[in-house]
PDB file of all heavy atoms in Angstrom:
ATOM      1  N   ASP A   1      -6.344  23.703  11.506  1.00  0.00           N
ATOM      2  CA  ASP A   1      -6.978  22.403  11.754  1.00  0.00           C
ATOM      3  C   ASP A   1      -7.196  21.673  10.437  1.00  0.00           C
ATOM      4  O   ASP A   1      -6.952  20.465  10.357  1.00  0.00           O
ATOM      5  CB  ASP A   1      -8.294  22.570  12.513  1.00  0.00           C
ATOM      6  CG  ASP A   1      -8.101  22.968  13.963  1.00  0.00           C
ATOM      7  OD1 ASP A   1      -6.972  22.757  14.492  1.00  0.00           O
ATOM      8  OD2 ASP A   1      -9.046  23.483  14.564  1.00  0.00           O
ATOM      9  N   LYS A   2      -7.632  22.388   9.422  1.00  0.00           N
ATOM     10  CA  LYS A   2      -7.852  21.785   8.106  1.00  0.00           C
ATOM     11  C   LYS A   2      -6.539  21.217   7.540  1.00  0.00           C
ATOM     12  O   LYS A   2      -6.523  20.117   6.970  1.00  0.00           O
ATOM     13  CB  LYS A   2      -8.442  22.830   7.148  1.00  0.00           C
ATOM     14  CG  LYS A   2      -8.759  22.290   5.772  1.00  0.00           C
ATOM     15  CD  LYS A   2      -9.390  23.382   4.881  1.00  0.00           C
ATOM     16  CE  LYS A   2      -9.649  22.866   3.490  1.00  0.00           C
ATOM     17  NZ  LYS A   2     -10.166  23.917   2.590  1.00  0.00           N
ATOM     18  N   GLY A   3      -5.447  21.929   7.686  1.00  0.00           N
ATOM     19  CA  GLY A   3      -4.140  21.469   7.240  1.00  0.00           C
ATOM     20  C   GLY A   3      -3.701  20.230   7.986  1.00  0.00           C
ATOM     21  O   GLY A   3      -3.157  19.276   7.375  1.00  0.00           O
ATOM     22  N   ARG A   4      -3.886  20.212   9.296  1.00  0.00           N
ATOM     23  CA  ARG A   4      -3.541  19.044  10.100  1.00  0.00           C
ATOM     24  C   ARG A   4      -4.367  17.816   9.707  1.00  0.00           C
ATOM     25  O   ARG A   4      -3.855  16.706   9.604  1.00  0.00           O
ATOM     26  CB  ARG A   4      -3.768  19.332  11.598  1.00  0.00           C
ATOM     27  CG  ARG A   4      -2.506  19.710  12.341  1.00  0.00           C
ATOM     28  CD  ARG A   4      -2.712  19.800  13.830  1.00  0.00           C
ATOM     29  NE  ARG A   4      -3.586  20.883  14.246  1.00  0.00           N
ATOM     30  CZ  ARG A   4      -3.299  22.168  14.192  1.00  0.00           C
ATOM     31  NH1 ARG A   4      -2.128  22.531  13.755  1.00  0.00           N
ATOM     32  NH2 ARG A   4      -4.160  23.076  14.575  1.00  0.00           N
ATOM     33  N   GLN A   5      -5.650  18.049   9.446  1.00  0.00           N
ATOM     34  CA  GLN A   5      -6.531  16.946   9.039  1.00  0.00           C
ATOM     35  C   GLN A   5      -6.114  16.396   7.671  1.00  0.00           C
ATOM     36  O   GLN A   5      -6.117  15.182   7.472  1.00  0.00           O
ATOM     37  CB  GLN A   5      -7.988  17.402   8.992  1.00  0.00           C
ATOM     38  CG  GLN A   5      -8.582  17.657  10.369  1.00  0.00           C
ATOM     39  CD  GLN A   5      -9.914  18.361  10.298  1.00  0.00           C
ATOM     40  OE1 GLN A   5     -10.446  18.663   9.236  1.00  0.00           O
ATOM     41  NE2 GLN A   5     -10.487  18.652  11.480  1.00  0.00           N
ATOM     42  N   LEU A   6      -5.742  17.272   6.750  1.00  0.00           N
ATOM     43  CA  LEU A   6      -5.313  16.816   5.426  1.00  0.00           C
ATOM     44  C   LEU A   6      -4.024  16.011   5.542  1.00  0.00           C
ATOM     45  O   LEU A   6      -3.873  14.961   4.911  1.00  0.00           O
ATOM     46  CB  LEU A   6      -5.142  18.020   4.478  1.00  0.00           C
ATOM     47  CG  LEU A   6      -4.799  17.677   3.045  1.00  0.00           C
ATOM     48  CD1 LEU A   6      -5.843  16.758   2.397  1.00  0.00           C
ATOM     49  CD2 LEU A   6      -4.677  18.959   2.233  1.00  0.00           C
ATOM     50  N   PHE A   7      -3.090  16.485   6.360  1.00  0.00           N
ATOM     51  CA  PHE A   7      -1.845  15.755   6.571  1.00  0.00           C
ATOM     52  C   PHE A   7      -2.162  14.384   7.166  1.00  0.00           C
ATOM     53  O   PHE A   7      -1.611  13.352   6.705  1.00  0.00           O
ATOM     54  CB  PHE A   7      -0.883  16.521   7.474  1.00  0.00           C
ATOM     55  CG  PHE A   7       0.377  15.754   7.763  1.00  0.00           C
ATOM     56  CD1 PHE A   7       1.332  15.613   6.765  1.00  0.00           C
ATOM     57  CD2 PHE A   7       0.577  15.156   8.995  1.00  0.00           C
ATOM     58  CE1 PHE A   7       2.505  14.901   7.028  1.00  0.00           C
ATOM     59  CE2 PHE A   7       1.739  14.427   9.242  1.00  0.00           C
ATOM     60  CZ  PHE A   7       2.705  14.302   8.265  1.00  0.00           C
ATOM     61  N   ALA A   8      -3.052  14.333   8.129  1.00  0.00           N
ATOM     62  CA  ALA A   8      -3.410  13.041   8.767  1.00  0.00           C
ATOM     63  C   ALA A   8      -4.057  12.093   7.759  1.00  0.00           C
ATOM     64  O   ALA A   8      -3.907  10.882   7.880  1.00  0.00           O
ATOM     65  CB  ALA A   8      -4.377  13.288   9.929  1.00  0.00           C
ATOM     66  N   GLN A   9      -4.723  12.644   6.740  1.00  0.00           N
ATOM     67  CA  GLN A   9      -5.345  11.801   5.719  1.00  0.00           C
ATOM     68  C   GLN A   9      -4.318  11.181   4.792  1.00  0.00           C
ATOM     69  O   GLN A   9      -4.442  10.017   4.419  1.00  0.00           O
ATOM     70  CB  GLN A   9      -6.362  12.608   4.884  1.00  0.00           C
ATOM     71  CG  GLN A   9      -7.653  12.910   5.566  1.00  0.00           C
ATOM     72  CD  GLN A   9      -8.578  13.755   4.712  1.00  0.00           C
ATOM     73  OE1 GLN A   9      -8.151  14.412   3.756  1.00  0.00           O
ATOM     74  NE2 GLN A   9      -9.850  13.764   5.045  1.00  0.00           N
ATOM     75  N   PHE A  10      -3.304  11.936   4.361  1.00  0.00           N
ATOM     76  CA  PHE A  10      -2.371  11.376   3.417  1.00  0.00           C
ATOM     77  C   PHE A  10      -1.167  10.732   4.061  1.00  0.00           C
ATOM     78  O   PHE A  10      -0.461   9.921   3.413  1.00  0.00           O
ATOM     79  CB  PHE A  10      -1.935  12.387   2.326  1.00  0.00           C
ATOM     80  CG  PHE A  10      -0.921  13.415   2.726  1.00  0.00           C
ATOM     81  CD1 PHE A  10       0.407  13.073   2.859  1.00  0.00           C
ATOM     82  CD2 PHE A  10      -1.294  14.718   2.914  1.00  0.00           C
ATOM     83  CE1 PHE A  10       1.364  14.019   3.217  1.00  0.00           C
ATOM     84  CE2 PHE A  10      -0.342  15.681   3.267  1.00  0.00           C
ATOM     85  CZ  PHE A  10       0.971  15.321   3.403  1.00  0.00           C
ATOM     86  N   TRP A  11      -0.932  10.956   5.349  1.00  0.00           N
ATOM     87  CA  TRP A  11       0.225  10.355   6.006  1.00  0.00           C
ATOM     88  C   TRP A  11       0.238   8.813   5.925  1.00  0.00           C
ATOM     89  O   TRP A  11       1.279   8.236   5.625  1.00  0.00           O
ATOM     90  CB  TRP A  11       0.356  10.828   7.449  1.00  0.00           C
ATOM     91  CG  TRP A  11       1.390  10.050   8.208  1.00  0.00           C
ATOM     92  CD1 TRP A  11       1.177   9.236   9.276  1.00  0.00           C
ATOM     93  CD2 TRP A  11       2.798   9.980   7.959  1.00  0.00           C
ATOM     94  NE1 TRP A  11       2.347   8.659   9.703  1.00  0.00           N
ATOM     95  CE2 TRP A  11       3.354   9.111   8.901  1.00  0.00           C
ATOM     96  CE3 TRP A  11       3.635  10.583   7.016  1.00  0.00           C
ATOM     97  CZ2 TRP A  11       4.720   8.816   8.943  1.00  0.00           C
ATOM     98  CZ3 TRP A  11       5.000  10.271   7.064  1.00  0.00           C
ATOM     99  CH2 TRP A  11       5.518   9.412   7.999  1.00  0.00           C
ATOM    100  N   PRO A  12      -0.871   8.101   6.151  1.00  0.00           N
ATOM    101  CA  PRO A  12      -0.817   6.631   6.025  1.00  0.00           C
ATOM    102  C   PRO A  12      -0.334   6.169   4.641  1.00  0.00           C
ATOM    103  O   PRO A  12       0.445   5.207   4.560  1.00  0.00           O
ATOM    104  CB  PRO A  12      -2.262   6.192   6.300  1.00  0.00           C
ATOM    105  CG  PRO A  12      -2.817   7.285   7.137  1.00  0.00           C
ATOM    106  CD  PRO A  12      -2.191   8.551   6.604  1.00  0.00           C
ATOM    107  N   MET A  13      -0.742   6.835   3.575  1.00  0.00           N
ATOM    108  CA  MET A  13      -0.307   6.502   2.242  1.00  0.00           C
ATOM    109  C   MET A  13       1.204   6.752   2.096  1.00  0.00           C
ATOM    110  O   MET A  13       1.951   5.979   1.539  1.00  0.00           O
ATOM    111  CB  MET A  13      -1.129   7.308   1.213  1.00  0.00           C
ATOM    112  CG  MET A  13      -0.650   7.208  -0.209  1.00  0.00           C
ATOM    113  SD  MET A  13       0.737   8.276  -0.703  1.00  0.00           S
ATOM    114  CE  MET A  13       0.163   9.885  -0.192  1.00  0.00           C
ATOM    115  N   MET A  14       1.638   7.857   2.646  1.00  0.00           N
ATOM    116  CA  MET A  14       3.051   8.227   2.564  1.00  0.00           C
ATOM    117  C   MET A  14       3.907   7.230   3.366  1.00  0.00           C
ATOM    118  O   MET A  14       4.965   6.796   2.916  1.00  0.00           O
ATOM    119  CB  MET A  14       3.233   9.645   3.114  1.00  0.00           C
ATOM    120  CG  MET A  14       4.584  10.251   2.873  1.00  0.00           C
ATOM    121  SD  MET A  14       4.521  11.971   3.413  1.00  0.00           S
ATOM    122  CE  MET A  14       6.246  12.420   3.214  1.00  0.00           C
ATOM    123  N   TYR A  15       3.408   6.859   4.545  1.00  0.00           N
ATOM    124  CA  TYR A  15       4.139   5.910   5.382  1.00  0.00           C
ATOM    125  C   TYR A  15       4.196   4.524   4.710  1.00  0.00           C
ATOM    126  O   TYR A  15       5.234   3.846   4.761  1.00  0.00           O
ATOM    127  CB  TYR A  15       3.516   5.780   6.777  1.00  0.00           C
ATOM    128  CG  TYR A  15       4.317   4.887   7.683  1.00  0.00           C
ATOM    129  CD1 TYR A  15       5.473   5.404   8.286  1.00  0.00           C
ATOM    130  CD2 TYR A  15       3.989   3.564   7.888  1.00  0.00           C
ATOM    131  CE1 TYR A  15       6.254   4.581   9.089  1.00  0.00           C
ATOM    132  CE2 TYR A  15       4.760   2.739   8.673  1.00  0.00           C
ATOM    133  CZ  TYR A  15       5.895   3.254   9.290  1.00  0.00           C
ATOM    134  OH  TYR A  15       6.687   2.428  10.047  1.00  0.00           O
ATOM    135  N   LYS A  16       3.142   4.145   4.035  1.00  0.00           N
ATOM    136  CA  LYS A  16       3.118   2.873   3.307  1.00  0.00           C
ATOM    137  C   LYS A  16       4.185   2.876   2.240  1.00  0.00           C
ATOM    138  O   LYS A  16       4.935   1.914   2.081  1.00  0.00           O
ATOM    139  CB  LYS A  16       1.731   2.620   2.704  1.00  0.00           C
ATOM    140  CG  LYS A  16       1.612   1.330   1.911  1.00  0.00           C
ATOM    141  CD  LYS A  16       0.174   1.177   1.351  1.00  0.00           C
ATOM    142  CE  LYS A  16      -0.002  -0.090   0.593  1.00  0.00           C
ATOM    143  NZ  LYS A  16       0.650  -0.118  -0.716  1.00  0.00           N
ATOM    144  N   GLN A  17       4.263   3.971   1.477  1.00  0.00           N
ATOM    145  CA  GLN A  17       5.279   4.057   0.438  1.00  0.00           C
ATOM    146  C   GLN A  17       6.677   4.018   1.049  1.00  0.00           C
ATOM    147  O   GLN A  17       7.563   3.371   0.519  1.00  0.00           O
ATOM    148  CB  GLN A  17       5.073   5.325  -0.388  1.00  0.00           C
ATOM    149  CG  GLN A  17       5.978   5.415  -1.583  1.00  0.00           C
ATOM    150  CD  GLN A  17       5.619   6.586  -2.489  1.00  0.00           C
ATOM    151  OE1 GLN A  17       4.460   6.934  -2.647  1.00  0.00           O
ATOM    152  NE2 GLN A  17       6.635   7.196  -3.081  1.00  0.00           N
ATOM    153  N   TYR A  18       6.873   4.733   2.134  1.00  0.00           N
ATOM    154  CA  TYR A  18       8.162   4.755   2.860  1.00  0.00           C
ATOM    155  C   TYR A  18       8.525   3.321   3.286  1.00  0.00           C
ATOM    156  O   TYR A  18       9.650   2.875   3.098  1.00  0.00           O
ATOM    157  CB  TYR A  18       8.015   5.703   4.046  1.00  0.00           C
ATOM    158  CG  TYR A  18       9.028   5.605   5.128  1.00  0.00           C
ATOM    159  CD1 TYR A  18      10.307   6.112   4.982  1.00  0.00           C
ATOM    160  CD2 TYR A  18       8.687   5.031   6.358  1.00  0.00           C
ATOM    161  CE1 TYR A  18      11.226   6.038   6.032  1.00  0.00           C
ATOM    162  CE2 TYR A  18       9.586   4.978   7.392  1.00  0.00           C
ATOM    163  CZ  TYR A  18      10.844   5.471   7.223  1.00  0.00           C
ATOM    164  OH  TYR A  18      11.749   5.392   8.259  1.00  0.00           O
ATOM    165  N   SER A  19       7.547   2.594   3.830  1.00  0.00           N
ATOM    166  CA  SER A  19       7.789   1.227   4.284  1.00  0.00           C
ATOM    167  C   SER A  19       8.185   0.314   3.124  1.00  0.00           C
ATOM    168  O   SER A  19       9.035  -0.571   3.259  1.00  0.00           O
ATOM    169  CB  SER A  19       6.541   0.658   4.969  1.00  0.00           C
ATOM    170  OG  SER A  19       6.254   1.410   6.136  1.00  0.00           O
ATOM    171  N   GLU A  20       7.552   0.521   1.969  1.00  0.00           N
ATOM    172  CA  GLU A  20       7.844  -0.287   0.779  1.00  0.00           C
ATOM    173  C   GLU A  20       9.265  -0.044   0.290  1.00  0.00           C
ATOM    174  O   GLU A  20       9.964  -0.970  -0.137  1.00  0.00           O
ATOM    175  CB  GLU A  20       6.832  -0.022  -0.315  1.00  0.00           C
ATOM    176  CG  GLU A  20       5.467  -0.574  -0.015  1.00  0.00           C
ATOM    177  CD  GLU A  20       4.361  -0.098  -0.972  1.00  0.00           C
ATOM    178  OE1 GLU A  20       4.658   0.682  -1.892  1.00  0.00           O
ATOM    179  OE2 GLU A  20       3.221  -0.518  -0.769  1.00  0.00           O
ATOM    180  N   VAL A  21       9.722   1.196   0.367  1.00  0.00           N
ATOM    181  CA  VAL A  21      11.079   1.529  -0.063  1.00  0.00           C
ATOM    182  C   VAL A  21      12.115   0.776   0.803  1.00  0.00           C
ATOM    183  O   VAL A  21      13.163   0.362   0.293  1.00  0.00           O
ATOM    184  CB  VAL A  21      11.335   3.060   0.009  1.00  0.00           C
ATOM    185  CG1 VAL A  21      12.815   3.418  -0.158  1.00  0.00           C
ATOM    186  CG2 VAL A  21      10.514   3.787  -1.069  1.00  0.00           C
ATOM    187  N   PHE A  22      11.801   0.587   2.061  1.00  0.00           N
ATOM    188  CA  PHE A  22      12.750  -0.043   2.980  1.00  0.00           C
ATOM    189  C   PHE A  22      12.408  -1.490   3.299  1.00  0.00           C
ATOM    190  O   PHE A  22      12.972  -2.072   4.246  1.00  0.00           O
ATOM    191  CB  PHE A  22      12.894   0.792   4.251  1.00  0.00           C
ATOM    192  CG  PHE A  22      13.653   2.068   4.015  1.00  0.00           C
ATOM    193  CD1 PHE A  22      12.998   3.258   3.816  1.00  0.00           C
ATOM    194  CD2 PHE A  22      15.041   2.050   3.957  1.00  0.00           C
ATOM    195  CE1 PHE A  22      13.681   4.430   3.558  1.00  0.00           C
ATOM    196  CE2 PHE A  22      15.749   3.225   3.684  1.00  0.00           C
ATOM    197  CZ  PHE A  22      15.064   4.410   3.490  1.00  0.00           C
ATOM    198  N   ALA A  23      11.540  -2.087   2.493  1.00  0.00           N
ATOM    199  CA  ALA A  23      11.209  -3.504   2.698  1.00  0.00           C
ATOM    200  C   ALA A  23      12.475  -4.381   2.589  1.00  0.00           C
ATOM    201  O   ALA A  23      13.298  -4.159   1.711  1.00  0.00           O
ATOM    202  CB  ALA A  23      10.162  -3.947   1.690  1.00  0.00           C
ATOM    203  N   GLY A  24      12.618  -5.307   3.490  1.00  0.00           N
ATOM    204  CA  GLY A  24      13.763  -6.245   3.442  1.00  0.00           C
ATOM    205  C   GLY A  24      15.054  -5.647   3.979  1.00  0.00           C
ATOM    206  O   GLY A  24      16.101  -6.291   3.908  1.00  0.00           O
ATOM    207  N   ILE A  25      14.989  -4.449   4.532  1.00  0.00           N
ATOM    208  CA  ILE A  25      16.195  -3.821   5.074  1.00  0.00           C
ATOM    209  C   ILE A  25      16.081  -3.892   6.602  1.00  0.00           C
ATOM    210  O   ILE A  25      15.087  -3.479   7.192  1.00  0.00           O
ATOM    211  CB  ILE A  25      16.307  -2.363   4.573  1.00  0.00           C
ATOM    212  CG1 ILE A  25      16.513  -2.364   3.041  1.00  0.00           C
ATOM    213  CG2 ILE A  25      17.424  -1.610   5.302  1.00  0.00           C
ATOM    214  CD1 ILE A  25      16.438  -1.031   2.412  1.00  0.00           C
ATOM    215  N   SER A  26      17.123  -4.450   7.224  1.00  0.00           N
ATOM    216  CA  SER A  26      17.110  -4.636   8.668  1.00  0.00           C
ATOM    217  C   SER A  26      17.210  -3.288   9.392  1.00  0.00           C
ATOM    218  O   SER A  26      17.607  -2.266   8.811  1.00  0.00           O
ATOM    219  CB  SER A  26      18.262  -5.528   9.124  1.00  0.00           C
ATOM    220  OG  SER A  26      19.492  -4.799   9.019  1.00  0.00           O
ATOM    221  N   GLU A  27      16.871  -3.322  10.659  1.00  0.00           N
ATOM    222  CA  GLU A  27      16.992  -2.099  11.485  1.00  0.00           C
ATOM    223  C   GLU A  27      18.446  -1.608  11.532  1.00  0.00           C
ATOM    224  O   GLU A  27      18.693  -0.414  11.435  1.00  0.00           O
ATOM    225  CB  GLU A  27      16.475  -2.389  12.904  1.00  0.00           C
ATOM    226  CG  GLU A  27      16.399  -1.188  13.814  1.00  0.00           C
ATOM    227  CD  GLU A  27      15.372  -0.146  13.382  1.00  0.00           C
ATOM    228  OE1 GLU A  27      14.333  -0.505  12.797  1.00  0.00           O
ATOM    229  OE2 GLU A  27      15.604   1.054  13.636  1.00  0.00           O
ATOM    230  N   ALA A  28      19.372  -2.544  11.647  1.00  0.00           N
ATOM    231  CA  ALA A  28      20.789  -2.158  11.684  1.00  0.00           C
ATOM    232  C   ALA A  28      21.216  -1.519  10.348  1.00  0.00           C
ATOM    233  O   ALA A  28      21.942  -0.522  10.337  1.00  0.00           O
ATOM    234  CB  ALA A  28      21.643  -3.392  11.964  1.00  0.00           C
ATOM    235  N   GLU A  29      20.778  -2.101   9.221  1.00  0.00           N
ATOM    236  CA  GLU A  29      21.101  -1.538   7.921  1.00  0.00           C
ATOM    237  C   GLU A  29      20.491  -0.147   7.784  1.00  0.00           C
ATOM    238  O   GLU A  29      21.133   0.784   7.273  1.00  0.00           O
ATOM    239  CB  GLU A  29      20.566  -2.426   6.788  1.00  0.00           C
ATOM    240  CG  GLU A  29      21.323  -3.733   6.623  1.00  0.00           C
ATOM    241  CD  GLU A  29      20.649  -4.668   5.642  1.00  0.00           C
ATOM    242  OE1 GLU A  29      19.404  -4.805   5.698  1.00  0.00           O
ATOM    243  OE2 GLU A  29      21.382  -5.245   4.817  1.00  0.00           O
ATOM    244  N   TYR A  30      19.271   0.004   8.258  1.00  0.00           N
ATOM    245  CA  TYR A  30      18.596   1.298   8.185  1.00  0.00           C
ATOM    246  C   TYR A  30      19.343   2.351   8.997  1.00  0.00           C
ATOM    247  O   TYR A  30      19.581   3.456   8.543  1.00  0.00           O
ATOM    248  CB  TYR A  30      17.137   1.175   8.672  1.00  0.00           C
ATOM    249  CG  TYR A  30      16.366   2.476   8.597  1.00  0.00           C
ATOM    250  CD1 TYR A  30      15.817   2.911   7.405  1.00  0.00           C
ATOM    251  CD2 TYR A  30      16.209   3.287   9.722  1.00  0.00           C
ATOM    252  CE1 TYR A  30      15.121   4.116   7.327  1.00  0.00           C
ATOM    253  CE2 TYR A  30      15.540   4.475   9.660  1.00  0.00           C
ATOM    254  CZ  TYR A  30      14.993   4.896   8.451  1.00  0.00           C
ATOM    255  OH  TYR A  30      14.310   6.082   8.372  1.00  0.00           O
ATOM    256  N   GLU A  31      19.731   1.991  10.228  1.00  0.00           N
ATOM    257  CA  GLU A  31      20.456   2.922  11.099  1.00  0.00           C
ATOM    258  C   GLU A  31      21.804   3.315  10.478  1.00  0.00           C
ATOM    259  O   GLU A  31      22.183   4.493  10.517  1.00  0.00           O
ATOM    260  CB  GLU A  31      20.652   2.352  12.499  1.00  0.00           C
ATOM    261  CG  GLU A  31      19.351   2.235  13.288  1.00  0.00           C
ATOM    262  CD  GLU A  31      18.625   3.563  13.451  1.00  0.00           C
ATOM    263  OE1 GLU A  31      19.270   4.624  13.638  1.00  0.00           O
ATOM    264  OE2 GLU A  31      17.380   3.556  13.374  1.00  0.00           O
ATOM    265  N   THR A  32      22.489   2.367   9.873  1.00  0.00           N
ATOM    266  CA  THR A  32      23.752   2.650   9.181  1.00  0.00           C
ATOM    267  C   THR A  32      23.515   3.578   8.005  1.00  0.00           C
ATOM    268  O   THR A  32      24.233   4.563   7.796  1.00  0.00           O
ATOM    269  CB  THR A  32      24.429   1.361   8.694  1.00  0.00           C
ATOM    270  OG1 THR A  32      24.725   0.552   9.846  1.00  0.00           O
ATOM    271  CG2 THR A  32      25.716   1.652   7.928  1.00  0.00           C
ATOM    272  N   PHE A  33      22.465   3.309   7.229  1.00  0.00           N
ATOM    273  CA  PHE A  33      22.116   4.103   6.073  1.00  0.00           C
ATOM    274  C   PHE A  33      21.839   5.564   6.487  1.00  0.00           C
ATOM    275  O   PHE A  33      22.347   6.507   5.878  1.00  0.00           O
ATOM    276  CB  PHE A  33      20.879   3.486   5.392  1.00  0.00           C
ATOM    277  CG  PHE A  33      20.375   4.267   4.236  1.00  0.00           C
ATOM    278  CD1 PHE A  33      21.075   4.413   3.062  1.00  0.00           C
ATOM    279  CD2 PHE A  33      19.111   4.875   4.286  1.00  0.00           C
ATOM    280  CE1 PHE A  33      20.597   5.126   1.983  1.00  0.00           C
ATOM    281  CE2 PHE A  33      18.599   5.577   3.217  1.00  0.00           C
ATOM    282  CZ  PHE A  33      19.336   5.706   2.058  1.00  0.00           C
ATOM    283  N   ILE A  34      21.032   5.745   7.547  1.00  0.00           N
ATOM    284  CA  ILE A  34      20.698   7.093   8.034  1.00  0.00           C
ATOM    285  C   ILE A  34      21.972   7.808   8.506  1.00  0.00           C
ATOM    286  O   ILE A  34      22.174   8.985   8.213  1.00  0.00           O
ATOM    287  CB  ILE A  34      19.629   7.015   9.151  1.00  0.00           C
ATOM    288  CG1 ILE A  34      18.303   6.492   8.608  1.00  0.00           C
ATOM    289  CG2 ILE A  34      19.472   8.378   9.852  1.00  0.00           C
ATOM    290  CD1 ILE A  34      17.686   7.357   7.519  1.00  0.00           C
ATOM    291  N   SER A  35      22.842   7.081   9.178  1.00  0.00           N
ATOM    292  CA  SER A  35      24.104   7.673   9.654  1.00  0.00           C
ATOM    293  C   SER A  35      24.946   8.156   8.487  1.00  0.00           C
ATOM    294  O   SER A  35      25.493   9.261   8.492  1.00  0.00           O
ATOM    295  CB  SER A  35      24.859   6.646  10.483  1.00  0.00           C
ATOM    296  OG  SER A  35      26.117   7.157  10.878  1.00  0.00           O
ATOM    297  N   VAL A  36      25.044   7.337   7.451  1.00  0.00           N
ATOM    298  CA  VAL A  36      25.823   7.699   6.247  1.00  0.00           C
ATOM    299  C   VAL A  36      25.202   8.893   5.558  1.00  0.00           C
ATOM    300  O   VAL A  36      25.903   9.829   5.139  1.00  0.00           O
ATOM    301  CB  VAL A  36      25.928   6.484   5.287  1.00  0.00           C
ATOM    302  CG1 VAL A  36      26.522   6.913   3.947  1.00  0.00           C
ATOM    303  CG2 VAL A  36      26.795   5.403   5.914  1.00  0.00           C
ATOM    304  N   LEU A  37      23.864   8.904   5.446  1.00  0.00           N
ATOM    305  CA  LEU A  37      23.196  10.064   4.808  1.00  0.00           C
ATOM    306  C   LEU A  37      23.471  11.360   5.575  1.00  0.00           C
ATOM    307  O   LEU A  37      23.708  12.394   4.963  1.00  0.00           O
ATOM    308  CB  LEU A  37      21.676   9.821   4.723  1.00  0.00           C
ATOM    309  CG  LEU A  37      21.232   8.788   3.691  1.00  0.00           C
ATOM    310  CD1 LEU A  37      19.726   8.572   3.813  1.00  0.00           C
ATOM    311  CD2 LEU A  37      21.595   9.225   2.286  1.00  0.00           C
ATOM    312  N   HIS A  38      23.471  11.287   6.912  1.00  0.00           N
ATOM    313  CA  HIS A  38      23.770  12.481   7.698  1.00  0.00           C
ATOM    314  C   HIS A  38      25.200  12.967   7.477  1.00  0.00           C
ATOM    315  O   HIS A  38      25.433  14.175   7.366  1.00  0.00           O
ATOM    316  CB  HIS A  38      23.515  12.232   9.189  1.00  0.00           C
ATOM    317  CG  HIS A  38      22.058  12.322   9.551  1.00  0.00           C
ATOM    318  ND1 HIS A  38      21.403  13.515   9.712  1.00  0.00           N
ATOM    319  CD2 HIS A  38      21.148  11.360   9.765  1.00  0.00           C
ATOM    320  CE1 HIS A  38      20.156  13.298  10.009  1.00  0.00           C
ATOM    321  NE2 HIS A  38      19.944  12.000  10.054  1.00  0.00           N
TER     322      HIS A  38
END
């Protein structure tokens, strides 16, 4: 439970950083990018 709570605390910060990395990138570009990475 403590580990889950800690993850829940830092996830919003991690998601914010993730969102910033992909700012200005369309959904179609993102899906193409993910496909290429795979």
